[in-house]
Amino acid sequence: MPPKINFTLGALHFIFNDKSAFDFLNKIKSLNVHDEVEIETQAIESLENVLLQIFIIKDDDFVFYKNNSIKLWISEESKEYVEYKLSEFLSKGDFYPAEIGSFQRTNSRMLFTKSKMIDLYLIKEI
């Protein structure tokens, strides 16, 4: 079960319950630098399917999103932090603090970046 996604101005929220956090943690734990994974999830406000692609890279964090597609280029350090936050959620039942970090916007092939930053949050499903 994948997390649900909520798009807001300047932020992406990944919304988890226990099952989706466990499944997502297992997927991301298995990734190394240059690995990638595709996850089909849903946008919370429209319930439309969204394709989430995660790429593990050495440095920096980038995001691209348009319509029903999200691409995240996550640094090794951020990946480890996401793993930690998901593990903590599974043991304590909440994300605090919820912010994972700021990701620099880019185009779909990461050929150029934009000055705008997008904050990424992990949120408990209510």
N, C-alpha and C. Protein backbone atom coordinates (compact mmCIF):
# COMPACT_ATOMS: atom_id res chain seq x y z
N MET A 1 0.84 -1.17 0.00
CA MET A 1 0.00 0.00 0.00
C MET A 1 0.89 1.25 0.00
N PRO A 2 0.74 2.12 -0.96
CA PRO A 2 1.57 3.34 -1.05
C PRO A 2 0.97 4.48 -0.23
N PRO A 3 1.78 5.51 0.07
CA PRO A 3 1.23 6.69 0.74
C PRO A 3 0.33 7.47 -0.23
N LYS A 4 -0.51 8.30 0.31
CA LYS A 4 -1.28 9.22 -0.52
C LYS A 4 -0.50 10.53 -0.61
N ILE A 5 -0.79 11.32 -1.64
CA ILE A 5 -0.06 12.55 -1.90
C ILE A 5 -1.02 13.73 -1.81
N ASN A 6 -0.55 14.81 -1.21
CA ASN A 6 -1.30 16.05 -1.20
C ASN A 6 -0.39 17.15 -1.73
N PHE A 7 -0.82 17.82 -2.80
CA PHE A 7 -0.09 18.93 -3.39
C PHE A 7 -0.61 20.23 -2.79
N THR A 8 0.27 21.05 -2.27
CA THR A 8 -0.11 22.39 -1.87
C THR A 8 0.91 23.35 -2.45
N LEU A 9 0.62 24.62 -2.38
CA LEU A 9 1.53 25.61 -2.91
C LEU A 9 2.85 25.57 -2.15
N GLY A 10 3.91 25.13 -2.80
CA GLY A 10 5.23 25.10 -2.19
C GLY A 10 5.53 23.89 -1.35
N ALA A 11 4.63 22.87 -1.36
CA ALA A 11 4.87 21.70 -0.53
C ALA A 11 4.24 20.44 -1.11
N LEU A 12 4.85 19.32 -0.78
CA LEU A 12 4.30 18.00 -1.08
C LEU A 12 4.16 17.27 0.24
N HIS A 13 2.97 16.73 0.49
CA HIS A 13 2.71 15.96 1.70
C HIS A 13 2.53 14.50 1.31
N PHE A 14 3.30 13.64 1.94
CA PHE A 14 3.13 12.19 1.78
C PHE A 14 2.40 11.71 3.03
N ILE A 15 1.21 11.13 2.84
CA ILE A 15 0.33 10.79 3.96
C ILE A 15 0.34 9.28 4.15
N PHE A 16 0.72 8.87 5.37
CA PHE A 16 0.95 7.46 5.67
C PHE A 16 0.03 6.97 6.78
N ASN A 17 -0.35 5.68 6.67
CA ASN A 17 -0.87 4.93 7.80
C ASN A 17 0.20 3.87 8.12
N ASP A 18 -0.05 3.01 9.09
CA ASP A 18 0.98 2.03 9.48
C ASP A 18 1.39 1.13 8.31
N LYS A 19 0.42 0.65 7.56
CA LYS A 19 0.71 -0.27 6.45
C LYS A 19 1.50 0.42 5.34
N SER A 20 1.08 1.60 4.94
CA SER A 20 1.79 2.29 3.86
C SER A 20 3.19 2.71 4.30
N ALA A 21 3.36 3.08 5.58
CA ALA A 21 4.70 3.43 6.09
C ALA A 21 5.62 2.22 6.08
N PHE A 22 5.10 1.08 6.50
CA PHE A 22 5.89 -0.16 6.51
C PHE A 22 6.30 -0.54 5.09
N ASP A 23 5.36 -0.52 4.16
CA ASP A 23 5.65 -0.89 2.77
C ASP A 23 6.64 0.08 2.13
N PHE A 24 6.44 1.38 2.35
CA PHE A 24 7.32 2.40 1.77
C PHE A 24 8.72 2.28 2.36
N LEU A 25 8.82 2.05 3.66
CA LEU A 25 10.12 1.88 4.31
C LEU A 25 10.88 0.71 3.69
N ASN A 26 10.21 -0.41 3.47
CA ASN A 26 10.86 -1.57 2.87
C ASN A 26 11.33 -1.30 1.44
N LYS A 27 10.55 -0.53 0.70
CA LYS A 27 10.96 -0.20 -0.67
C LYS A 27 12.18 0.70 -0.68
N ILE A 28 12.17 1.73 0.14
CA ILE A 28 13.24 2.71 0.10
C ILE A 28 14.53 2.17 0.74
N LYS A 29 14.39 1.28 1.72
CA LYS A 29 15.57 0.69 2.37
C LYS A 29 16.42 -0.10 1.38
N SER A 30 15.80 -0.71 0.42
CA SER A 30 16.51 -1.57 -0.52
C SER A 30 17.26 -0.80 -1.60
N LEU A 31 17.08 0.53 -1.65
CA LEU A 31 17.68 1.33 -2.72
C LEU A 31 19.08 1.81 -2.37
N ASN A 32 19.95 1.80 -3.37
CA ASN A 32 21.30 2.35 -3.26
C ASN A 32 21.46 3.47 -4.27
N VAL A 33 22.59 4.15 -4.24
CA VAL A 33 22.86 5.22 -5.20
C VAL A 33 22.70 4.67 -6.61
N HIS A 34 22.05 5.42 -7.47
CA HIS A 34 21.74 5.11 -8.87
C HIS A 34 20.57 4.15 -9.02
N ASP A 35 19.96 3.71 -7.92
CA ASP A 35 18.76 2.88 -8.00
C ASP A 35 17.54 3.78 -8.13
N GLU A 36 16.47 3.19 -8.60
CA GLU A 36 15.21 3.92 -8.70
C GLU A 36 14.06 2.97 -8.47
N VAL A 37 12.92 3.54 -8.10
CA VAL A 37 11.72 2.76 -7.88
C VAL A 37 10.52 3.58 -8.36
N GLU A 38 9.52 2.90 -8.88
CA GLU A 38 8.26 3.54 -9.28
C GLU A 38 7.15 3.02 -8.38
N ILE A 39 6.33 3.95 -7.90
CA ILE A 39 5.23 3.60 -7.02
C ILE A 39 3.98 4.31 -7.53
N GLU A 40 2.91 3.57 -7.71
CA GLU A 40 1.66 4.21 -8.10
C GLU A 40 0.87 4.51 -6.84
N THR A 41 0.48 5.76 -6.68
CA THR A 41 -0.24 6.21 -5.50
C THR A 41 -1.41 7.09 -5.93
N GLN A 42 -2.04 7.75 -4.97
CA GLN A 42 -3.20 8.60 -5.28
C GLN A 42 -3.03 9.99 -4.70
N ALA A 43 -3.54 10.96 -5.43
CA ALA A 43 -3.63 12.32 -4.91
C ALA A 43 -4.83 12.37 -3.98
N ILE A 44 -4.64 12.88 -2.81
CA ILE A 44 -5.69 12.84 -1.79
C ILE A 44 -6.92 13.66 -2.15
N GLU A 45 -6.73 14.81 -2.80
CA GLU A 45 -7.87 15.66 -3.08
C GLU A 45 -8.69 15.20 -4.28
N SER A 46 -8.09 14.46 -5.20
CA SER A 46 -8.83 14.05 -6.39
C SER A 46 -8.96 12.53 -6.52
N LEU A 47 -8.20 11.80 -5.76
CA LEU A 47 -8.14 10.34 -5.82
C LEU A 47 -7.69 9.84 -7.19
N GLU A 48 -7.05 10.72 -7.97
CA GLU A 48 -6.46 10.29 -9.23
C GLU A 48 -5.15 9.56 -8.95
N ASN A 49 -4.82 8.63 -9.84
CA ASN A 49 -3.55 7.93 -9.70
C ASN A 49 -2.40 8.86 -10.01
N VAL A 50 -1.33 8.73 -9.25
CA VAL A 50 -0.12 9.52 -9.42
C VAL A 50 1.06 8.56 -9.48
N LEU A 51 1.92 8.73 -10.47
CA LEU A 51 3.12 7.93 -10.57
C LEU A 51 4.25 8.64 -9.84
N LEU A 52 4.77 8.00 -8.80
CA LEU A 52 5.88 8.54 -8.02
C LEU A 52 7.14 7.77 -8.39
N GLN A 53 8.15 8.48 -8.88
CA GLN A 53 9.43 7.87 -9.21
C GLN A 53 10.47 8.44 -8.25
N ILE A 54 11.24 7.55 -7.63
CA ILE A 54 12.29 7.97 -6.69
C ILE A 54 13.62 7.49 -7.22
N PHE A 55 14.57 8.42 -7.30
CA PHE A 55 15.93 8.13 -7.75
C PHE A 55 16.88 8.47 -6.60
N ILE A 56 17.78 7.58 -6.27
CA ILE A 56 18.76 7.84 -5.21
C ILE A 56 20.03 8.36 -5.87
N ILE A 57 20.49 9.54 -5.40
CA ILE A 57 21.70 10.16 -5.93
C ILE A 57 22.63 10.50 -4.78
N LYS A 58 23.87 10.88 -5.11
CA LYS A 58 24.86 11.17 -4.07
C LYS A 58 24.58 12.47 -3.31
N ASP A 59 24.31 13.54 -4.03
CA ASP A 59 24.19 14.85 -3.39
C ASP A 59 22.92 15.56 -3.81
N ASP A 60 22.46 16.45 -2.97
CA ASP A 60 21.35 17.36 -3.23
C ASP A 60 20.03 16.62 -3.46
N ASP A 61 18.95 17.38 -3.32
CA ASP A 61 17.60 16.84 -3.47
C ASP A 61 16.84 17.69 -4.48
N PHE A 62 16.15 17.01 -5.39
CA PHE A 62 15.41 17.70 -6.45
C PHE A 62 14.03 17.10 -6.57
N VAL A 63 13.09 17.89 -7.09
CA VAL A 63 11.73 17.41 -7.31
C VAL A 63 11.21 17.98 -8.63
N PHE A 64 10.44 17.15 -9.32
CA PHE A 64 9.69 17.59 -10.49
C PHE A 64 8.28 17.03 -10.32
N TYR A 65 7.28 17.88 -10.52
CA TYR A 65 5.93 17.33 -10.57
C TYR A 65 5.08 18.11 -11.56
N LYS A 66 4.26 17.35 -12.22
CA LYS A 66 3.34 17.90 -13.21
C LYS A 66 2.23 16.88 -13.41
N ASN A 67 1.01 17.38 -13.45
CA ASN A 67 -0.16 16.54 -13.64
C ASN A 67 -0.14 15.35 -12.69
N ASN A 68 0.00 14.16 -13.21
CA ASN A 68 -0.05 12.95 -12.38
C ASN A 68 1.30 12.25 -12.27
N SER A 69 2.36 13.03 -12.20
CA SER A 69 3.70 12.47 -12.14
C SER A 69 4.57 13.27 -11.17
N ILE A 70 5.26 12.55 -10.30
CA ILE A 70 6.23 13.16 -9.37
C ILE A 70 7.54 12.40 -9.51
N LYS A 71 8.62 13.14 -9.67
CA LYS A 71 9.95 12.56 -9.66
C LYS A 71 10.74 13.18 -8.52
N LEU A 72 11.30 12.34 -7.68
CA LEU A 72 12.15 12.79 -6.58
C LEU A 72 13.55 12.24 -6.77
N TRP A 73 14.52 13.13 -6.76
CA TRP A 73 15.92 12.73 -6.73
C TRP A 73 16.37 12.97 -5.29
N ILE A 74 16.61 11.90 -4.55
CA ILE A 74 16.88 11.99 -3.12
C ILE A 74 18.34 11.64 -2.85
N SER A 75 19.01 12.50 -2.10
CA SER A 75 20.39 12.23 -1.72
C SER A 75 20.44 11.07 -0.72
N GLU A 76 21.60 10.46 -0.60
CA GLU A 76 21.76 9.36 0.36
C GLU A 76 21.41 9.82 1.77
N GLU A 77 21.82 11.03 2.12
CA GLU A 77 21.55 11.56 3.45
C GLU A 77 20.06 11.72 3.70
N SER A 78 19.34 12.26 2.73
CA SER A 78 17.89 12.42 2.86
C SER A 78 17.19 11.07 2.89
N LYS A 79 17.67 10.12 2.12
CA LYS A 79 17.09 8.77 2.12
C LYS A 79 17.20 8.17 3.52
N GLU A 80 18.36 8.31 4.14
CA GLU A 80 18.55 7.77 5.49
C GLU A 80 17.63 8.47 6.49
N TYR A 81 17.41 9.77 6.30
CA TYR A 81 16.51 10.50 7.19
C TYR A 81 15.06 10.04 7.00
N VAL A 82 14.65 9.81 5.76
CA VAL A 82 13.30 9.30 5.50
C VAL A 82 13.14 7.93 6.16
N GLU A 83 14.13 7.07 6.04
CA GLU A 83 14.08 5.75 6.68
C GLU A 83 13.92 5.91 8.20
N TYR A 84 14.70 6.80 8.78
CA TYR A 84 14.63 7.06 10.22
C TYR A 84 13.24 7.54 10.62
N LYS A 85 12.69 8.51 9.87
CA LYS A 85 11.38 9.07 10.19
C LYS A 85 10.27 8.02 10.06
N LEU A 86 10.36 7.16 9.03
CA LEU A 86 9.35 6.11 8.87
C LEU A 86 9.45 5.08 10.00
N SER A 87 10.67 4.72 10.39
CA SER A 87 10.87 3.78 11.50
C SER A 87 10.34 4.37 12.80
N GLU A 88 10.62 5.64 13.01
CA GLU A 88 10.14 6.33 14.21
C GLU A 88 8.60 6.37 14.22
N PHE A 89 8.00 6.63 13.07
CA PHE A 89 6.54 6.64 12.96
C PHE A 89 5.97 5.28 13.33
N LEU A 90 6.59 4.22 12.84
CA LEU A 90 6.09 2.88 13.12
C LEU A 90 6.20 2.52 14.59
N SER A 91 7.20 3.06 15.29
CA SER A 91 7.34 2.75 16.72
C SER A 91 6.58 3.73 17.62
N LYS A 92 6.47 5.01 17.21
CA LYS A 92 5.85 6.02 18.08
C LYS A 92 4.47 6.49 17.60
N GLY A 93 4.14 6.23 16.34
CA GLY A 93 2.81 6.56 15.84
C GLY A 93 2.62 7.98 15.32
N ASP A 94 3.73 8.73 15.15
CA ASP A 94 3.58 10.09 14.65
C ASP A 94 4.88 10.55 14.00
N PHE A 95 4.77 11.55 13.12
CA PHE A 95 5.93 12.20 12.53
C PHE A 95 6.11 13.54 13.24
N TYR A 96 7.22 13.70 13.94
CA TYR A 96 7.52 15.00 14.53
C TYR A 96 9.02 15.19 14.55
N PRO A 97 9.54 16.21 13.92
CA PRO A 97 8.83 17.14 13.04
C PRO A 97 8.48 16.46 11.72
N ALA A 98 7.50 16.99 11.04
CA ALA A 98 6.98 16.37 9.82
C ALA A 98 7.82 16.69 8.59
N GLU A 99 8.58 17.79 8.62
CA GLU A 99 9.33 18.21 7.44
C GLU A 99 10.56 17.33 7.22
N ILE A 100 10.72 16.88 5.98
CA ILE A 100 11.89 16.10 5.59
C ILE A 100 12.98 17.03 5.08
N GLY A 101 12.59 18.05 4.35
CA GLY A 101 13.57 18.99 3.82
C GLY A 101 13.01 19.75 2.65
N SER A 102 13.83 20.63 2.11
CA SER A 102 13.47 21.42 0.94
C SER A 102 14.14 20.84 -0.30
N PHE A 103 13.35 20.63 -1.32
CA PHE A 103 13.84 20.05 -2.57
C PHE A 103 13.81 21.13 -3.64
N GLN A 104 14.85 21.21 -4.41
CA GLN A 104 14.91 22.21 -5.49
C GLN A 104 14.12 21.71 -6.68
N ARG A 105 13.27 22.60 -7.25
CA ARG A 105 12.49 22.22 -8.44
C ARG A 105 13.40 22.09 -9.64
N THR A 106 13.06 21.16 -10.51
CA THR A 106 13.82 20.92 -11.73
C THR A 106 12.85 20.51 -12.83
N ASN A 107 13.40 20.25 -14.02
CA ASN A 107 12.54 19.73 -15.09
C ASN A 107 12.53 18.20 -15.01
N SER A 108 11.79 17.55 -15.89
CA SER A 108 11.58 16.11 -15.78
C SER A 108 12.84 15.27 -15.98
N ARG A 109 13.86 15.84 -16.60
CA ARG A 109 15.11 15.09 -16.82
C ARG A 109 16.26 15.63 -15.98
N MET A 110 15.94 16.54 -15.07
CA MET A 110 16.92 17.17 -14.20
C MET A 110 18.03 17.84 -14.99
N LEU A 111 17.67 18.48 -16.11
CA LEU A 111 18.64 19.18 -16.95
C LEU A 111 18.90 20.59 -16.44
N PHE A 112 17.94 21.16 -15.76
CA PHE A 112 18.14 22.49 -15.18
C PHE A 112 17.31 22.59 -13.91
N THR A 113 17.66 23.55 -13.07
CA THR A 113 16.93 23.73 -11.83
C THR A 113 16.29 25.11 -11.81
N LYS A 114 15.31 25.24 -10.97
CA LYS A 114 14.62 26.50 -10.76
C LYS A 114 14.96 26.99 -9.35
N SER A 115 14.83 28.26 -9.13
CA SER A 115 15.18 28.80 -7.82
C SER A 115 14.15 28.42 -6.75
N LYS A 116 12.96 28.04 -7.16
CA LYS A 116 11.90 27.71 -6.21
C LYS A 116 12.20 26.39 -5.49
N MET A 117 11.99 26.40 -4.19
CA MET A 117 12.16 25.21 -3.37
C MET A 117 10.79 24.67 -2.99
N ILE A 118 10.70 23.35 -2.88
CA ILE A 118 9.47 22.67 -2.47
C ILE A 118 9.77 21.90 -1.19
N ASP A 119 8.97 22.13 -0.17
CA ASP A 119 9.15 21.41 1.09
C ASP A 119 8.44 20.07 1.03
N LEU A 120 9.08 19.05 1.57
CA LEU A 120 8.53 17.70 1.58
C LEU A 120 8.21 17.32 3.03
N TYR A 121 6.97 16.85 3.25
CA TYR A 121 6.51 16.49 4.58
C TYR A 121 5.99 15.05 4.60
N LEU A 122 6.20 14.37 5.72
CA LEU A 122 5.59 13.08 5.98
C LEU A 122 4.50 13.32 7.04
N ILE A 123 3.28 12.89 6.75
CA ILE A 123 2.12 13.18 7.59
C ILE A 123 1.40 11.89 7.95
N LYS A 124 0.90 11.83 9.17
CA LYS A 124 0.09 10.69 9.61
C LYS A 124 -1.33 10.81 9.07
N GLU A 125 -1.83 9.72 8.48
CA GLU A 125 -3.21 9.70 7.99
C GLU A 125 -4.17 9.69 9.18
N ILE A 126 -5.20 10.51 9.07
CA ILE A 126 -6.19 10.58 10.16
C ILE A 126 -7.48 9.95 9.72
